[in-house]
Amino acid sequence: PICCSIMAASANQSTYERHAVLRSRGAPPTLTFINGVWSRCLQEPWINQKPHYIKQPQPGEDGWPQGLTCLHVFYDGSLWRISSDDDQSVFAVANTDAEHPNTVSRDDWLLL
């Protein structure tokens, strides 16, 4: 999934975000860039009938690997994954069919 190219605020964004906020925390020092607030992807808000979120570096936010400009959290049909925009780098997976990443148990996430 590639949708980080359009991040402008819109009515659709607020519609999706009012239903759920995705916040991640507790990642180890090597993965601190996955901590923080995630936004629904406007171009592709659903993948496999489950919500799709994105996260981009914010001003003053450190720890992002060189060249990484966007992360995605989405359900790929068999597990939840946190990956780069081009899906070439996977940082975490959760082997569960939870309906939303907020409902994935912390113990289900495997950090890679």
C-alpha atoms as a PDB file:
ATOM      1  CA  PRO A   1       0.000   0.000   0.000  1.00  0.00           C
ATOM      2  CA  ILE A   2       1.282   3.422  -0.923  1.00  0.00           C
ATOM      3  CA  CYS A   3      -0.681   6.385   0.396  1.00  0.00           C
ATOM      4  CA  CYS A   4       1.715   8.693   2.183  1.00  0.00           C
ATOM      5  CA  SER A   5       1.862  11.034  -0.790  1.00  0.00           C
ATOM      6  CA  ILE A   6      -1.462  12.636   0.175  1.00  0.00           C
ATOM      7  CA  MET A   7      -1.694  13.722   3.789  1.00  0.00           C
ATOM      8  CA  ALA A   8      -3.765  16.913   3.464  1.00  0.00           C
ATOM      9  CA  ALA A   9      -6.468  17.315   6.076  1.00  0.00           C
ATOM     10  CA  SER A  10      -9.961  16.755   4.764  1.00  0.00           C
ATOM     11  CA  ALA A  11     -13.478  15.931   5.871  1.00  0.00           C
ATOM     12  CA  ASN A  12     -12.786  12.245   5.185  1.00  0.00           C
ATOM     13  CA  GLN A  13      -9.768  12.277   7.503  1.00  0.00           C
ATOM     14  CA  SER A  14     -11.767  13.666  10.408  1.00  0.00           C
ATOM     15  CA  THR A  15     -14.595  11.209   9.688  1.00  0.00           C
ATOM     16  CA  TYR A  16     -12.220   8.261   9.986  1.00  0.00           C
ATOM     17  CA  GLU A  17     -10.308   9.614  12.972  1.00  0.00           C
ATOM     18  CA  ARG A  18     -13.372  10.356  15.071  1.00  0.00           C
ATOM     19  CA  HIS A  19     -14.110   6.629  15.290  1.00  0.00           C
ATOM     20  CA  ALA A  20     -10.747   5.537  16.627  1.00  0.00           C
ATOM     21  CA  VAL A  21      -7.374   6.991  17.445  1.00  0.00           C
ATOM     22  CA  LEU A  22      -4.342   4.833  17.014  1.00  0.00           C
ATOM     23  CA  ARG A  23      -1.490   5.544  19.384  1.00  0.00           C
ATOM     24  CA  SER A  24       1.494   3.289  19.800  1.00  0.00           C
ATOM     25  CA  ARG A  25       3.965   3.279  22.664  1.00  0.00           C
ATOM     26  CA  GLY A  26       6.482   1.048  24.353  1.00  0.00           C
ATOM     27  CA  ALA A  27       8.672   0.199  21.358  1.00  0.00           C
ATOM     28  CA  PRO A  28      12.319  -0.527  22.188  1.00  0.00           C
ATOM     29  CA  PRO A  29      14.957   2.176  21.485  1.00  0.00           C
ATOM     30  CA  THR A  30      15.732   0.750  18.031  1.00  0.00           C
ATOM     31  CA  LEU A  31      12.080   1.134  16.972  1.00  0.00           C
ATOM     32  CA  THR A  32      10.999   4.354  18.711  1.00  0.00           C
ATOM     33  CA  PHE A  33       9.815   5.742  15.370  1.00  0.00           C
ATOM     34  CA  ILE A  34       6.765   3.453  15.544  1.00  0.00           C
ATOM     35  CA  ASN A  35       5.668   5.179  18.773  1.00  0.00           C
ATOM     36  CA  GLY A  36       3.169   8.002  18.493  1.00  0.00           C
ATOM     37  CA  VAL A  37      -0.063   8.937  16.759  1.00  0.00           C
ATOM     38  CA  TRP A  38      -1.110   7.270  13.512  1.00  0.00           C
ATOM     39  CA  SER A  39      -3.649   8.635  10.984  1.00  0.00           C
ATOM     40  CA  ARG A  40      -6.061   6.803   8.717  1.00  0.00           C
ATOM     41  CA  CYS A  41      -4.873   6.546   5.132  1.00  0.00           C
ATOM     42  CA  LEU A  42      -7.141   8.666   2.938  1.00  0.00           C
ATOM     43  CA  GLN A  43      -6.305   6.887  -0.309  1.00  0.00           C
ATOM     44  CA  GLU A  44      -6.835   3.411   1.099  1.00  0.00           C
ATOM     45  CA  PRO A  45      -8.613   3.579   4.478  1.00  0.00           C
ATOM     46  CA  TRP A  46      -9.411  -0.160   4.462  1.00  0.00           C
ATOM     47  CA  ILE A  47      -7.259  -3.141   3.531  1.00  0.00           C
ATOM     48  CA  ASN A  48      -8.885  -6.563   3.726  1.00  0.00           C
ATOM     49  CA  GLN A  49     -11.930  -4.927   5.378  1.00  0.00           C
ATOM     50  CA  LYS A  50      -9.817  -3.659   8.287  1.00  0.00           C
ATOM     51  CA  PRO A  51      -8.517  -0.135   9.026  1.00  0.00           C
ATOM     52  CA  HIS A  52      -5.267   1.058   7.469  1.00  0.00           C
ATOM     53  CA  TYR A  53      -3.165   3.655   9.312  1.00  0.00           C
ATOM     54  CA  ILE A  54      -0.059   5.614   8.385  1.00  0.00           C
ATOM     55  CA  LYS A  55       2.592   7.515  10.320  1.00  0.00           C
ATOM     56  CA  GLN A  56       5.135  10.037   9.038  1.00  0.00           C
ATOM     57  CA  PRO A  57       8.006  11.742  10.854  1.00  0.00           C
ATOM     58  CA  GLN A  58       6.957  14.867  12.736  1.00  0.00           C
ATOM     59  CA  PRO A  59       9.153  17.928  13.294  1.00  0.00           C
ATOM     60  CA  GLY A  60      11.570  17.234  16.135  1.00  0.00           C
ATOM     61  CA  GLU A  61      10.874  13.501  16.112  1.00  0.00           C
ATOM     62  CA  ASP A  62      14.137  11.556  16.145  1.00  0.00           C
ATOM     63  CA  GLY A  63      14.988   7.941  15.516  1.00  0.00           C
ATOM     64  CA  TRP A  64      13.631   7.436  11.996  1.00  0.00           C
ATOM     65  CA  PRO A  65      15.939   5.328   9.792  1.00  0.00           C
ATOM     66  CA  GLN A  66      17.553   7.136   6.860  1.00  0.00           C
ATOM     67  CA  GLY A  67      15.254   7.159   3.828  1.00  0.00           C
ATOM     68  CA  LEU A  68      12.145   6.013   5.705  1.00  0.00           C
ATOM     69  CA  THR A  69       9.393   8.568   5.124  1.00  0.00           C
ATOM     70  CA  CYS A  70       6.240   6.674   6.048  1.00  0.00           C
ATOM     71  CA  LEU A  71       5.005   3.647   7.990  1.00  0.00           C
ATOM     72  CA  HIS A  72       1.826   1.614   7.557  1.00  0.00           C
ATOM     73  CA  VAL A  73      -0.084  -0.591   9.931  1.00  0.00           C
ATOM     74  CA  PHE A  74      -2.561  -2.855   8.170  1.00  0.00           C
ATOM     75  CA  TYR A  75      -4.013  -6.355   8.075  1.00  0.00           C
ATOM     76  CA  ASP A  76      -2.568  -8.342   5.159  1.00  0.00           C
ATOM     77  CA  GLY A  77      -5.203 -11.073   5.236  1.00  0.00           C
ATOM     78  CA  SER A  78      -3.448 -13.279   7.773  1.00  0.00           C
ATOM     79  CA  LEU A  79      -1.664 -10.940  10.201  1.00  0.00           C
ATOM     80  CA  TRP A  80      -1.272  -7.307  11.219  1.00  0.00           C
ATOM     81  CA  ARG A  81       1.974  -5.696  10.117  1.00  0.00           C
ATOM     82  CA  ILE A  82       3.874  -2.471  10.534  1.00  0.00           C
ATOM     83  CA  SER A  83       5.960  -1.800   7.461  1.00  0.00           C
ATOM     84  CA  SER A  84       7.563   0.851   5.294  1.00  0.00           C
ATOM     85  CA  ASP A  85       5.518   2.658   2.642  1.00  0.00           C
ATOM     86  CA  ASP A  86       6.897   0.394  -0.096  1.00  0.00           C
ATOM     87  CA  ASP A  87       6.409  -2.685   2.145  1.00  0.00           C
ATOM     88  CA  GLN A  88      10.083  -3.620   1.706  1.00  0.00           C
ATOM     89  CA  SER A  89      10.851  -3.320   5.429  1.00  0.00           C
ATOM     90  CA  VAL A  90       8.652  -4.955   8.054  1.00  0.00           C
ATOM     91  CA  PHE A  91       9.146  -3.779  11.644  1.00  0.00           C
ATOM     92  CA  ALA A  92       6.468  -5.720  13.533  1.00  0.00           C
ATOM     93  CA  VAL A  93       3.802  -8.362  12.951  1.00  0.00           C
ATOM     94  CA  ALA A  94       0.914  -9.737  15.003  1.00  0.00           C
ATOM     95  CA  ASN A  95      -0.546 -13.114  14.143  1.00  0.00           C
ATOM     96  CA  THR A  96      -4.175 -12.304  14.929  1.00  0.00           C
ATOM     97  CA  ASP A  97      -7.307 -11.422  12.974  1.00  0.00           C
ATOM     98  CA  ALA A  98      -8.308  -8.620  15.388  1.00  0.00           C
ATOM     99  CA  GLU A  99     -10.694  -6.110  13.805  1.00  0.00           C
ATOM    100  CA  HIS A 100      -8.554  -3.079  14.674  1.00  0.00           C
ATOM    101  CA  PRO A 101      -4.884  -2.632  15.590  1.00  0.00           C
ATOM    102  CA  ASN A 102      -6.003  -1.103  18.921  1.00  0.00           C
ATOM    103  CA  THR A 103      -7.476  -4.490  19.833  1.00  0.00           C
ATOM    104  CA  VAL A 104      -4.309  -6.475  19.121  1.00  0.00           C
ATOM    105  CA  SER A 105      -2.864  -7.635  22.432  1.00  0.00           C
ATOM    106  CA  ARG A 106       0.539  -6.190  23.274  1.00  0.00           C
ATOM    107  CA  ASP A 107       1.806  -9.766  23.700  1.00  0.00           C
ATOM    108  CA  ASP A 108       0.723 -10.629  20.141  1.00  0.00           C
ATOM    109  CA  TRP A 109       3.119  -8.125  18.539  1.00  0.00           C
ATOM    110  CA  LEU A 110       6.446  -9.538  17.388  1.00  0.00           C
ATOM    111  CA  LEU A 111       9.029  -6.787  16.840  1.00  0.00           C
ATOM    112  CA  LEU A 112      11.454  -7.587  14.045  1.00  0.00           C
END
